[in-house]
Each structure stands twice: as C-alpha cells, then as structure tokens.
Amino acid sequence: MLVFVVCATHRYRIATPMTKSASTRSGPRDVTGPRSLTRLLGLFDALAKSGPGMTLAELNTVLESPKSSLLNLLRPLVADGYLNHDDGRYRLGPTIFRLAANIMSVWNFSNVIRPYLEELAHRSHESVYLGVLDRVAKAITYVDSIDSPHLVRYSVPVGAVRPLYCTAAGRVLLAFAESDFQEEYLRSTKLEARTDRTLSNRKALRAELDRILKTRLSVSVGEMFPESAAVAAPIFGAHGRIVAAMAVGGPSERLQARIEDLKPIIADVATRASGIAARNGSGDEPPLENVIGSVKTGYSSSRGRAAVGD
C-alpha cells in the first residue's frame, strides 16, 4: 500500500512496512534508497572517528551491514576519492575533505552575515532571507531566513529553491553575475509566466537587470506568487563580486505600500554586510556547488504562513 503526500509541487512516496513475503516478491532491494543513504552517512561518521581507518570486517561490525552490501558501497567511493583503501583499511579520502571544507564555508558565511539579517528583520518587521546562486540549477537557493513577527507573514525555509528571473533576490544574483553566465541564462532559460505580473519578456528582463546594476536594488511584486512581494539588495565580497542577495519579503498588500521606506533600510544593511563579508575573505562566491543539493529541501506552507516567492 502506498500513501501519497502532496507538498507544493513535490510529491513524496511513503511506503508502508511490508511483510517478509511481500518484500521477497518485490525483487532486489533498492540500494539507492534512504537506508543506503543512512548507511553511507554512518560509514563516513565511523571513519571520521577512527584515526587509523577500518577494515571491511570492522565496518561490517560497526554498521551491522552485510559485507557484500558494504563492498558495493565502498568501491565507487574509493574510485571517486571519497575514501582511500590501503593495506586493507579504509580511510577518508581527499574528496570528502573538500566537501567538508565547502560545507564549513557555507556555515561560516551564513554565521558572518546572520547579525545583519537579524538587524534587517528588526528594522523591517518583515520576513528576511539570504540567497545564493546555484550555478548548476541556474536558480537561487536560500541559505538563511528569519520569519516576520506578524501573524500573517511569508516564510521561506532554508533550502528553498526559486527561479532567478521572477524573484527579487534571484534577479539581484543574475544582474551581478558575470556576463557569460548571464547571457547563457537569458538564452537558454524558459521565462515562464508564473502569474500575470511575471516579467517573462527577455528584452524587459534585460532592462530590469540593467536597472538593478545601477540602483543595487531589486523589487518584485506578485511575480512568483500573486500575493507576495519583496525587495532585495546584493552582498559583495572582497573583489567586488557578488556573494549573496539579501531580501525582505511579505504579503504584497502590506509590503507594496512600504517598498520605498524599505529600500534605504535594506541598502544600508546590505552595504555594511558587504564590508564584513569582504573583511572575512569572501572575495568570490562561496563554493556552494558541492553542497547546494544537501539543502534543497523544497518548500512548504502551513496555516498563517506561505512560501515566499518574490
């Protein structure tokens, strides 16, 4: 028996426990499912705690997993450099250390900017969030957020992914991206009209990106979702390269009347955040490509809240 849960545009399949006979009839066990992921994380954790590394027999005991299944897991990890295999012992390899460094860079970057995000939330009394460019997906991924104190508010969970062309923060990242990326994006991306207010004309989008370059501010009202609005500003690193976009978002009915008041507030906070990002060595975009998938949790809504889209 399968139960389907629908959340926004994503559908998740939840399998109910099967009897032994049902499991047998279903054929070979799926080696790419949640159980294998848990086993993989357990493997990395066990090896991280073991200085001299571990043998297959030791991993078999610690992970309580059949040796045949472990070998199927270990071989590609060794081939890709996530693990080293010498003298019969498995150790963490260079690829996993690079991944760990990238994860820490994201964590450190968010912590550096967090006080400014808190200030923006306090001064705006609206939801605020921090987004970075995912070059692979050609989208914005939100890496930090603070909800508004209002009963009716918009919320964006960490890991939510949105298009660049129809969100305020996304357009900031697109406007200040290098020209090669921007041109390829404009050439290859379908500008779908999410609402009747979506900026889906390429010529108009180019004009808007030019305006953002001049003003360092981006505004979106009802473009991703009809009832949401946002104003966003860039955060720059040491060499003047954009590292993130900071945004204030809320219900369009309330926020639209406040946009002109919010512009100098977010411009001030983003400018000072750029200074601290530069002093902390964020000269280039944080190396997010290797970890961006780990925070793609989609988006959800609950009573009194809705996903921020603009």
C-alpha atoms as a PDB file:
ATOM      1  CA  MET A   1       0.000   0.000   0.000  1.00  0.00           C
ATOM      2  CA  LEU A   2       1.304   3.434  -0.916  1.00  0.00           C
ATOM      3  CA  VAL A   3       0.341   6.766   0.604  1.00  0.00           C
ATOM      4  CA  PHE A   4       0.966   9.923  -1.448  1.00  0.00           C
ATOM      5  CA  VAL A   5       1.575  13.228   0.274  1.00  0.00           C
ATOM      6  CA  VAL A   6       1.498  16.317  -1.914  1.00  0.00           C
ATOM      7  CA  CYS A   7       3.524  19.350  -0.813  1.00  0.00           C
ATOM      8  CA  ALA A   8       3.559  22.312  -3.183  1.00  0.00           C
ATOM      9  CA  THR A   9       4.886  20.956  -6.477  1.00  0.00           C
ATOM     10  CA  HIS A  10       6.644  17.953  -4.991  1.00  0.00           C
ATOM     11  CA  ARG A  11       5.135  14.547  -4.425  1.00  0.00           C
ATOM     12  CA  TYR A  12       6.667  12.192  -1.914  1.00  0.00           C
ATOM     13  CA  ARG A  13       6.036   8.500  -1.830  1.00  0.00           C
ATOM     14  CA  ILE A  14       5.816   6.907   1.586  1.00  0.00           C
ATOM     15  CA  ALA A  15       5.945   3.160   1.635  1.00  0.00           C
ATOM     16  CA  THR A  16       4.200   1.277   4.425  1.00  0.00           C
ATOM     17  CA  PRO A  17       6.033  -1.635   6.080  1.00  0.00           C
ATOM     18  CA  MET A  18       5.922  -4.822   4.013  1.00  0.00           C
ATOM     19  CA  THR A  19       5.645  -8.351   5.193  1.00  0.00           C
ATOM     20  CA  LYS A  20       8.555 -10.662   4.537  1.00  0.00           C
ATOM     21  CA  SER A  21       6.726 -12.372   1.700  1.00  0.00           C
ATOM     22  CA  ALA A  22       5.847  -9.036   0.098  1.00  0.00           C
ATOM     23  CA  SER A  23       9.459  -7.936   0.322  1.00  0.00           C
ATOM     24  CA  THR A  24      10.570 -11.124  -1.335  1.00  0.00           C
ATOM     25  CA  ARG A  25       8.100 -10.693  -4.175  1.00  0.00           C
ATOM     26  CA  SER A  26       9.229  -7.112  -4.809  1.00  0.00           C
ATOM     27  CA  GLY A  27      12.580  -8.266  -6.191  1.00  0.00           C
ATOM     28  CA  PRO A  28      16.068  -6.963  -5.364  1.00  0.00           C
ATOM     29  CA  ARG A  29      16.395  -4.408  -2.598  1.00  0.00           C
ATOM     30  CA  ASP A  30      16.781  -0.810  -3.725  1.00  0.00           C
ATOM     31  CA  VAL A  31      20.386   0.142  -2.993  1.00  0.00           C
ATOM     32  CA  THR A  32      19.790   3.842  -3.634  1.00  0.00           C
ATOM     33  CA  GLY A  33      17.032   4.482  -1.092  1.00  0.00           C
ATOM     34  CA  PRO A  34      17.017   6.109   2.349  1.00  0.00           C
ATOM     35  CA  ARG A  35      18.514   3.036   4.032  1.00  0.00           C
ATOM     36  CA  SER A  36      21.574   3.187   1.777  1.00  0.00           C
ATOM     37  CA  LEU A  37      21.904   6.917   2.442  1.00  0.00           C
ATOM     38  CA  THR A  38      21.809   6.290   6.196  1.00  0.00           C
ATOM     39  CA  ARG A  39      24.429   3.580   5.763  1.00  0.00           C
ATOM     40  CA  LEU A  40      26.621   5.962   3.753  1.00  0.00           C
ATOM     41  CA  LEU A  41      26.447   8.670   6.412  1.00  0.00           C
ATOM     42  CA  GLY A  42      27.131   6.086   9.089  1.00  0.00           C
ATOM     43  CA  LEU A  43      30.176   4.960   7.136  1.00  0.00           C
ATOM     44  CA  PHE A  44      31.624   8.468   6.957  1.00  0.00           C
ATOM     45  CA  ASP A  45      30.899   9.023  10.645  1.00  0.00           C
ATOM     46  CA  ALA A  46      32.604   5.769  11.659  1.00  0.00           C
ATOM     47  CA  LEU A  47      35.706   6.506   9.595  1.00  0.00           C
ATOM     48  CA  ALA A  48      35.880  10.085  10.874  1.00  0.00           C
ATOM     49  CA  LYS A  49      36.092   8.731  14.420  1.00  0.00           C
ATOM     50  CA  SER A  50      38.743   6.174  13.515  1.00  0.00           C
ATOM     51  CA  GLY A  51      42.218   7.623  13.037  1.00  0.00           C
ATOM     52  CA  PRO A  52      43.953   4.571  11.531  1.00  0.00           C
ATOM     53  CA  GLY A  53      40.987   3.645   9.354  1.00  0.00           C
ATOM     54  CA  MET A  54      38.888   0.482   9.453  1.00  0.00           C
ATOM     55  CA  THR A  55      38.891  -2.888   7.754  1.00  0.00           C
ATOM     56  CA  LEU A  56      35.897  -4.332   5.953  1.00  0.00           C
ATOM     57  CA  ALA A  57      35.287  -6.662   8.890  1.00  0.00           C
ATOM     58  CA  GLU A  58      35.333  -3.741  11.341  1.00  0.00           C
ATOM     59  CA  LEU A  59      32.928  -1.743   9.202  1.00  0.00           C
ATOM     60  CA  ASN A  60      30.706  -4.801   8.954  1.00  0.00           C
ATOM     61  CA  THR A  61      30.549  -4.981  12.755  1.00  0.00           C
ATOM     62  CA  VAL A  62      30.042  -1.253  13.376  1.00  0.00           C
ATOM     63  CA  LEU A  63      27.484  -0.678  10.641  1.00  0.00           C
ATOM     64  CA  GLU A  64      25.775  -4.062  11.039  1.00  0.00           C
ATOM     65  CA  SER A  65      25.650  -4.367   7.282  1.00  0.00           C
ATOM     66  CA  PRO A  66      26.456  -7.390   5.079  1.00  0.00           C
ATOM     67  CA  LYS A  67      29.949  -7.344   3.602  1.00  0.00           C
ATOM     68  CA  SER A  68      28.577  -7.708   0.086  1.00  0.00           C
ATOM     69  CA  SER A  69      26.422  -4.598   0.505  1.00  0.00           C
ATOM     70  CA  LEU A  70      29.324  -2.686   2.020  1.00  0.00           C
ATOM     71  CA  LEU A  71      31.601  -3.587  -0.883  1.00  0.00           C
ATOM     72  CA  ASN A  72      29.035  -2.271  -3.353  1.00  0.00           C
ATOM     73  CA  LEU A  73      29.052   0.980  -1.378  1.00  0.00           C
ATOM     74  CA  LEU A  74      32.813   1.217  -0.836  1.00  0.00           C
ATOM     75  CA  ARG A  75      34.093   0.581  -4.362  1.00  0.00           C
ATOM     76  CA  PRO A  76      32.637   3.689  -6.056  1.00  0.00           C
ATOM     77  CA  LEU A  77      33.587   5.823  -3.044  1.00  0.00           C
ATOM     78  CA  VAL A  78      37.200   4.735  -3.419  1.00  0.00           C
ATOM     79  CA  ALA A  79      37.097   5.276  -7.188  1.00  0.00           C
ATOM     80  CA  ASP A  80      35.800   8.846  -6.728  1.00  0.00           C
ATOM     81  CA  GLY A  81      38.291   9.720  -3.996  1.00  0.00           C
ATOM     82  CA  TYR A  82      35.817   9.909  -1.124  1.00  0.00           C
ATOM     83  CA  LEU A  83      37.728   7.061   0.529  1.00  0.00           C
ATOM     84  CA  ASN A  84      41.278   5.717   0.386  1.00  0.00           C
ATOM     85  CA  HIS A  85      41.900   1.964   0.539  1.00  0.00           C
ATOM     86  CA  ASP A  86      45.414   0.942   1.569  1.00  0.00           C
ATOM     87  CA  ASP A  87      46.740  -2.106   3.421  1.00  0.00           C
ATOM     88  CA  GLY A  88      43.236  -3.484   3.754  1.00  0.00           C
ATOM     89  CA  ARG A  89      41.975  -0.424   5.622  1.00  0.00           C
ATOM     90  CA  TYR A  90      39.534   2.254   4.523  1.00  0.00           C
ATOM     91  CA  ARG A  91      40.178   5.912   5.371  1.00  0.00           C
ATOM     92  CA  LEU A  92      38.536   9.204   4.427  1.00  0.00           C
ATOM     93  CA  GLY A  93      39.843  10.482   1.112  1.00  0.00           C
ATOM     94  CA  PRO A  94      40.591  13.946  -0.313  1.00  0.00           C
ATOM     95  CA  THR A  95      37.192  14.384  -1.976  1.00  0.00           C
ATOM     96  CA  ILE A  96      35.267  14.094   1.290  1.00  0.00           C
ATOM     97  CA  PHE A  97      37.598  16.630   2.909  1.00  0.00           C
ATOM     98  CA  ARG A  98      36.936  19.097   0.084  1.00  0.00           C
ATOM     99  CA  LEU A  99      33.216  18.535   0.583  1.00  0.00           C
ATOM    100  CA  ALA A 100      33.603  19.161   4.321  1.00  0.00           C
ATOM    101  CA  ALA A 101      35.507  22.386   3.626  1.00  0.00           C
ATOM    102  CA  ASN A 102      32.756  23.595   1.311  1.00  0.00           C
ATOM    103  CA  ILE A 103      30.107  22.824   3.915  1.00  0.00           C
ATOM    104  CA  MET A 104      32.040  24.738   6.551  1.00  0.00           C
ATOM    105  CA  SER A 105      32.456  27.711   4.207  1.00  0.00           C
ATOM    106  CA  VAL A 106      28.685  27.919   3.802  1.00  0.00           C
ATOM    107  CA  TRP A 107      28.160  27.610   7.557  1.00  0.00           C
ATOM    108  CA  ASN A 108      30.777  30.268   8.289  1.00  0.00           C
ATOM    109  CA  PHE A 109      29.419  32.631   5.643  1.00  0.00           C
ATOM    110  CA  SER A 110      25.874  32.386   6.991  1.00  0.00           C
ATOM    111  CA  ASN A 111      27.118  32.996  10.531  1.00  0.00           C
ATOM    112  CA  VAL A 112      29.073  36.079   9.451  1.00  0.00           C
ATOM    113  CA  ILE A 113      26.019  37.590   7.748  1.00  0.00           C
ATOM    114  CA  ARG A 114      23.469  36.457  10.372  1.00  0.00           C
ATOM    115  CA  PRO A 115      23.709  39.581  12.609  1.00  0.00           C
ATOM    116  CA  TYR A 116      22.882  41.761   9.607  1.00  0.00           C
ATOM    117  CA  LEU A 117      19.952  39.554   8.708  1.00  0.00           C
ATOM    118  CA  GLU A 118      18.712  39.927  12.292  1.00  0.00           C
ATOM    119  CA  GLU A 119      19.096  43.715  12.083  1.00  0.00           C
ATOM    120  CA  LEU A 120      17.144  43.774   8.827  1.00  0.00           C
ATOM    121  CA  ALA A 121      14.372  41.709  10.390  1.00  0.00           C
ATOM    122  CA  HIS A 122      14.231  44.059  13.376  1.00  0.00           C
ATOM    123  CA  ARG A 123      14.135  47.216  11.258  1.00  0.00           C
ATOM    124  CA  SER A 124      11.711  45.945   8.620  1.00  0.00           C
ATOM    125  CA  HIS A 125       9.361  43.889  10.835  1.00  0.00           C
ATOM    126  CA  GLU A 126       9.018  41.505   7.900  1.00  0.00           C
ATOM    127  CA  SER A 127      10.463  38.135   6.917  1.00  0.00           C
ATOM    128  CA  VAL A 128      14.050  38.353   5.696  1.00  0.00           C
ATOM    129  CA  TYR A 129      16.208  35.824   3.911  1.00  0.00           C
ATOM    130  CA  LEU A 130      19.612  35.239   2.366  1.00  0.00           C
ATOM    131  CA  GLY A 131      20.029  33.605  -1.036  1.00  0.00           C
ATOM    132  CA  VAL A 132      22.986  32.354  -3.071  1.00  0.00           C
ATOM    133  CA  LEU A 133      23.409  31.421  -6.708  1.00  0.00           C
ATOM    134  CA  ASP A 134      23.232  27.756  -7.642  1.00  0.00           C
ATOM    135  CA  ARG A 135      25.046  27.751 -10.964  1.00  0.00           C
ATOM    136  CA  VAL A 136      24.202  24.159 -11.767  1.00  0.00           C
ATOM    137  CA  ALA A 137      20.449  24.588 -11.316  1.00  0.00           C
ATOM    138  CA  LYS A 138      20.566  28.206 -12.543  1.00  0.00           C
ATOM    139  CA  ALA A 139      18.432  29.187  -9.580  1.00  0.00           C
ATOM    140  CA  ILE A 140      18.600  30.882  -6.200  1.00  0.00           C
ATOM    141  CA  THR A 141      18.852  28.733  -3.082  1.00  0.00           C
ATOM    142  CA  TYR A 142      18.014  30.288   0.284  1.00  0.00           C
ATOM    143  CA  VAL A 143      20.591  29.525   2.986  1.00  0.00           C
ATOM    144  CA  ASP A 144      19.223  31.523   5.916  1.00  0.00           C
ATOM    145  CA  SER A 145      15.942  33.174   6.890  1.00  0.00           C
ATOM    146  CA  ILE A 146      14.104  34.845   9.766  1.00  0.00           C
ATOM    147  CA  ASP A 147      10.306  34.924   9.950  1.00  0.00           C
ATOM    148  CA  SER A 148       8.303  38.094  10.482  1.00  0.00           C
ATOM    149  CA  PRO A 149       6.559  38.563  13.866  1.00  0.00           C
ATOM    150  CA  HIS A 150       3.282  39.318  12.055  1.00  0.00           C
ATOM    151  CA  LEU A 151       0.517  36.748  12.335  1.00  0.00           C
ATOM    152  CA  VAL A 152       0.081  36.905   8.562  1.00  0.00           C
ATOM    153  CA  ARG A 153       3.554  36.563   7.116  1.00  0.00           C
ATOM    154  CA  TYR A 154       5.576  34.860   4.442  1.00  0.00           C
ATOM    155  CA  SER A 155       8.195  32.288   5.247  1.00  0.00           C
ATOM    156  CA  VAL A 156      10.985  30.808   3.170  1.00  0.00           C
ATOM    157  CA  PRO A 157      12.625  27.670   4.598  1.00  0.00           C
ATOM    158  CA  VAL A 158      16.351  27.132   4.318  1.00  0.00           C
ATOM    159  CA  GLY A 159      16.973  25.128   1.182  1.00  0.00           C
ATOM    160  CA  ALA A 160      14.040  26.523  -0.797  1.00  0.00           C
ATOM    161  CA  VAL A 161      14.867  26.977  -4.486  1.00  0.00           C
ATOM    162  CA  ARG A 162      13.375  29.649  -6.741  1.00  0.00           C
ATOM    163  CA  PRO A 163      13.921  30.878 -10.324  1.00  0.00           C
ATOM    164  CA  LEU A 164      16.256  33.808 -10.849  1.00  0.00           C
ATOM    165  CA  TYR A 165      14.198  35.790 -13.337  1.00  0.00           C
ATOM    166  CA  CYS A 166      10.983  36.252 -11.329  1.00  0.00           C
ATOM    167  CA  THR A 167      12.220  36.793  -7.758  1.00  0.00           C
ATOM    168  CA  ALA A 168      13.734  39.970  -6.321  1.00  0.00           C
ATOM    169  CA  ALA A 169      16.743  38.233  -4.778  1.00  0.00           C
ATOM    170  CA  GLY A 170      17.184  35.986  -7.821  1.00  0.00           C
ATOM    171  CA  ARG A 171      17.334  38.964 -10.175  1.00  0.00           C
ATOM    172  CA  VAL A 172      19.986  40.570  -7.968  1.00  0.00           C
ATOM    173  CA  LEU A 173      22.180  37.486  -8.354  1.00  0.00           C
ATOM    174  CA  LEU A 174      21.538  37.385 -12.095  1.00  0.00           C
ATOM    175  CA  ALA A 175      22.206  41.097 -12.587  1.00  0.00           C
ATOM    176  CA  PHE A 176      25.619  40.961 -10.904  1.00  0.00           C
ATOM    177  CA  ALA A 177      26.674  37.565 -12.286  1.00  0.00           C
ATOM    178  CA  GLU A 178      29.476  37.525 -14.858  1.00  0.00           C
ATOM    179  CA  SER A 179      28.337  38.269 -18.392  1.00  0.00           C
ATOM    180  CA  ASP A 180      28.941  34.739 -19.740  1.00  0.00           C
ATOM    181  CA  PHE A 181      26.642  33.183 -17.164  1.00  0.00           C
ATOM    182  CA  GLN A 182      24.013  35.887 -17.599  1.00  0.00           C
ATOM    183  CA  GLU A 183      23.959  35.614 -21.393  1.00  0.00           C
ATOM    184  CA  GLU A 184      23.765  31.832 -21.328  1.00  0.00           C
ATOM    185  CA  TYR A 185      20.936  32.021 -18.794  1.00  0.00           C
ATOM    186  CA  LEU A 186      18.946  34.513 -20.847  1.00  0.00           C
ATOM    187  CA  ARG A 187      19.494  32.469 -23.988  1.00  0.00           C
ATOM    188  CA  SER A 188      18.579  29.064 -22.602  1.00  0.00           C
ATOM    189  CA  THR A 189      16.090  29.612 -19.759  1.00  0.00           C
ATOM    190  CA  LYS A 190      12.372  29.491 -20.445  1.00  0.00           C
ATOM    191  CA  LEU A 191      10.837  32.578 -18.841  1.00  0.00           C
ATOM    192  CA  GLU A 192       7.581  31.050 -17.727  1.00  0.00           C
ATOM    193  CA  ALA A 193       4.801  33.438 -16.692  1.00  0.00           C
ATOM    194  CA  ARG A 194       4.113  32.272 -13.138  1.00  0.00           C
ATOM    195  CA  THR A 195       1.459  34.978 -12.691  1.00  0.00           C
ATOM    196  CA  ASP A 196       0.024  37.734 -14.870  1.00  0.00           C
ATOM    197  CA  ARG A 197       2.685  40.064 -13.391  1.00  0.00           C
ATOM    198  CA  THR A 198       5.730  37.872 -14.084  1.00  0.00           C
ATOM    199  CA  LEU A 199       8.496  39.584 -16.043  1.00  0.00           C
ATOM    200  CA  SER A 200       8.717  36.955 -18.782  1.00  0.00           C
ATOM    201  CA  ASN A 201       9.902  39.071 -21.725  1.00  0.00           C
ATOM    202  CA  ARG A 202      13.662  38.818 -22.360  1.00  0.00           C
ATOM    203  CA  LYS A 203      14.041  42.414 -23.504  1.00  0.00           C
ATOM    204  CA  ALA A 204      12.177  43.683 -20.452  1.00  0.00           C
ATOM    205  CA  LEU A 205      14.213  41.397 -18.193  1.00  0.00           C
ATOM    206  CA  ARG A 206      17.487  42.741 -19.624  1.00  0.00           C
ATOM    207  CA  ALA A 207      16.278  46.281 -18.962  1.00  0.00           C
ATOM    208  CA  GLU A 208      15.391  45.345 -15.389  1.00  0.00           C
ATOM    209  CA  LEU A 209      18.819  43.779 -14.838  1.00  0.00           C
ATOM    210  CA  ASP A 210      20.453  46.992 -16.084  1.00  0.00           C
ATOM    211  CA  ARG A 211      18.314  48.977 -13.646  1.00  0.00           C
ATOM    212  CA  ILE A 212      19.375  46.703 -10.775  1.00  0.00           C
ATOM    213  CA  LEU A 213      23.036  47.205 -11.686  1.00  0.00           C
ATOM    214  CA  LYS A 214      22.565  50.973 -11.374  1.00  0.00           C
ATOM    215  CA  THR A 215      20.406  51.089  -8.248  1.00  0.00           C
ATOM    216  CA  ARG A 216      21.644  47.946  -6.454  1.00  0.00           C
ATOM    217  CA  LEU A 217      18.031  47.244  -5.544  1.00  0.00           C
ATOM    218  CA  SER A 218      15.502  44.780  -6.931  1.00  0.00           C
ATOM    219  CA  VAL A 219      11.739  44.762  -6.414  1.00  0.00           C
ATOM    220  CA  SER A 220       9.267  42.024  -7.262  1.00  0.00           C
ATOM    221  CA  VAL A 221       5.530  42.206  -6.653  1.00  0.00           C
ATOM    222  CA  GLY A 222       3.314  39.209  -7.361  1.00  0.00           C
ATOM    223  CA  GLU A 223       5.649  37.646  -9.916  1.00  0.00           C
ATOM    224  CA  MET A 224       6.307  34.236  -8.388  1.00  0.00           C
ATOM    225  CA  PHE A 225       3.108  34.086  -6.345  1.00  0.00           C
ATOM    226  CA  PRO A 226       0.266  36.592  -6.765  1.00  0.00           C
ATOM    227  CA  GLU A 227       0.132  37.599  -3.114  1.00  0.00           C
ATOM    228  CA  SER A 228       3.827  38.017  -2.304  1.00  0.00           C
ATOM    229  CA  ALA A 229       6.305  40.864  -2.733  1.00  0.00           C
ATOM    230  CA  ALA A 230       9.932  41.500  -1.932  1.00  0.00           C
ATOM    231  CA  VAL A 231      12.785  43.983  -2.173  1.00  0.00           C
ATOM    232  CA  ALA A 232      16.372  42.710  -2.367  1.00  0.00           C
ATOM    233  CA  ALA A 233      19.959  44.001  -2.411  1.00  0.00           C
ATOM    234  CA  PRO A 234      23.358  42.452  -3.193  1.00  0.00           C
ATOM    235  CA  ILE A 235      26.117  41.485  -0.770  1.00  0.00           C
ATOM    236  CA  PHE A 236      29.604  41.796  -2.236  1.00  0.00           C
ATOM    237  CA  GLY A 237      32.916  40.172  -1.330  1.00  0.00           C
ATOM    238  CA  ALA A 238      36.471  41.453  -1.267  1.00  0.00           C
ATOM    239  CA  HIS A 239      36.896  41.923  -5.022  1.00  0.00           C
ATOM    240  CA  GLY A 240      33.515  43.472  -5.635  1.00  0.00           C
ATOM    241  CA  ARG A 241      31.986  40.183  -6.717  1.00  0.00           C
ATOM    242  CA  ILE A 242      28.533  39.301  -5.530  1.00  0.00           C
ATOM    243  CA  VAL A 243      28.396  36.554  -2.907  1.00  0.00           C
ATOM    244  CA  ALA A 244      24.718  36.610  -1.916  1.00  0.00           C
ATOM    245  CA  ALA A 245      21.446  38.503  -2.069  1.00  0.00           C
ATOM    246  CA  MET A 246      19.561  39.760   0.977  1.00  0.00           C
ATOM    247  CA  ALA A 247      15.800  40.284   0.785  1.00  0.00           C
ATOM    248  CA  VAL A 248      12.747  41.446   2.711  1.00  0.00           C
ATOM    249  CA  GLY A 249       9.539  39.654   1.818  1.00  0.00           C
ATOM    250  CA  GLY A 250       5.892  39.785   2.827  1.00  0.00           C
ATOM    251  CA  PRO A 251       2.277  39.856   1.665  1.00  0.00           C
ATOM    252  CA  SER A 252       2.040  42.187  -1.328  1.00  0.00           C
ATOM    253  CA  GLU A 253      -0.920  44.047   0.167  1.00  0.00           C
ATOM    254  CA  ARG A 254       1.201  45.144   3.133  1.00  0.00           C
ATOM    255  CA  LEU A 255       4.677  45.278   1.612  1.00  0.00           C
ATOM    256  CA  GLN A 256       3.876  47.153  -1.581  1.00  0.00           C
ATOM    257  CA  ALA A 257       2.950  50.270   0.385  1.00  0.00           C
ATOM    258  CA  ARG A 258       6.248  50.074   2.297  1.00  0.00           C
ATOM    259  CA  ILE A 259       8.710  49.401  -0.515  1.00  0.00           C
ATOM    260  CA  GLU A 260      10.033  52.970  -0.745  1.00  0.00           C
ATOM    261  CA  ASP A 261      10.601  53.005   3.033  1.00  0.00           C
ATOM    262  CA  LEU A 262      12.292  49.611   2.945  1.00  0.00           C
ATOM    263  CA  LYS A 263      14.719  50.444   0.135  1.00  0.00           C
ATOM    264  CA  PRO A 264      17.111  52.636   2.189  1.00  0.00           C
ATOM    265  CA  ILE A 265      16.957  50.170   5.090  1.00  0.00           C
ATOM    266  CA  ILE A 266      17.987  47.126   3.065  1.00  0.00           C
ATOM    267  CA  ALA A 267      20.543  49.179   1.108  1.00  0.00           C
ATOM    268  CA  ASP A 268      22.179  50.272   4.363  1.00  0.00           C
ATOM    269  CA  VAL A 269      22.255  46.793   5.900  1.00  0.00           C
ATOM    270  CA  ALA A 270      23.477  45.109   2.700  1.00  0.00           C
ATOM    271  CA  THR A 271      26.258  47.675   2.262  1.00  0.00           C
ATOM    272  CA  ARG A 272      27.576  47.063   5.757  1.00  0.00           C
ATOM    273  CA  ALA A 273      27.182  43.291   5.338  1.00  0.00           C
ATOM    274  CA  SER A 274      29.287  43.582   2.179  1.00  0.00           C
ATOM    275  CA  GLY A 275      32.011  45.201   4.239  1.00  0.00           C
ATOM    276  CA  ILE A 276      32.128  42.374   6.764  1.00  0.00           C
ATOM    277  CA  ALA A 277      31.980  39.747   4.012  1.00  0.00           C
ATOM    278  CA  ALA A 278      34.962  41.395   2.319  1.00  0.00           C
ATOM    279  CA  ARG A 279      36.967  41.563   5.560  1.00  0.00           C
ATOM    280  CA  ASN A 280      36.288  37.881   6.169  1.00  0.00           C
ATOM    281  CA  GLY A 281      37.786  36.958   2.818  1.00  0.00           C
ATOM    282  CA  SER A 282      34.623  36.264   0.831  1.00  0.00           C
ATOM    283  CA  GLY A 283      36.242  37.510  -2.346  1.00  0.00           C
ATOM    284  CA  ASP A 284      34.359  35.092  -4.537  1.00  0.00           C
ATOM    285  CA  GLU A 285      31.059  33.336  -4.267  1.00  0.00           C
ATOM    286  CA  PRO A 286      31.184  30.696  -1.521  1.00  0.00           C
ATOM    287  CA  PRO A 287      31.988  27.312  -3.142  1.00  0.00           C
ATOM    288  CA  LEU A 288      28.430  26.061  -2.877  1.00  0.00           C
ATOM    289  CA  GLU A 289      28.074  23.782  -5.854  1.00  0.00           C
ATOM    290  CA  ASN A 290      29.143  20.652  -3.991  1.00  0.00           C
ATOM    291  CA  VAL A 291      26.754  21.182  -1.114  1.00  0.00           C
ATOM    292  CA  ILE A 292      23.821  23.024  -2.604  1.00  0.00           C
ATOM    293  CA  GLY A 293      21.940  19.771  -3.166  1.00  0.00           C
ATOM    294  CA  SER A 294      22.182  18.902   0.514  1.00  0.00           C
ATOM    295  CA  VAL A 295      19.996  21.848   1.468  1.00  0.00           C
ATOM    296  CA  LYS A 296      17.416  21.530  -1.302  1.00  0.00           C
ATOM    297  CA  THR A 297      14.523  20.641   0.918  1.00  0.00           C
ATOM    298  CA  GLY A 298      11.868  22.238  -1.256  1.00  0.00           C
ATOM    299  CA  TYR A 299       9.304  24.493   0.330  1.00  0.00           C
ATOM    300  CA  SER A 300       6.229  24.110   2.461  1.00  0.00           C
ATOM    301  CA  SER A 301       3.411  26.161   3.810  1.00  0.00           C
ATOM    302  CA  SER A 302       1.311  25.985   6.947  1.00  0.00           C
ATOM    303  CA  ARG A 303      -1.612  27.811   8.450  1.00  0.00           C
ATOM    304  CA  GLY A 304      -0.894  31.534   8.693  1.00  0.00           C
ATOM    305  CA  ARG A 305       2.216  31.125   6.529  1.00  0.00           C
ATOM    306  CA  ALA A 306       3.050  30.799   2.859  1.00  0.00           C
ATOM    307  CA  ALA A 307       6.228  30.267   0.909  1.00  0.00           C
ATOM    308  CA  VAL A 308       7.959  33.462  -0.078  1.00  0.00           C
ATOM    309  CA  GLY A 309       8.208  33.600  -3.829  1.00  0.00           C
ATOM    310  CA  ASP A 310       9.254  37.105  -4.745  1.00  0.00           C
END
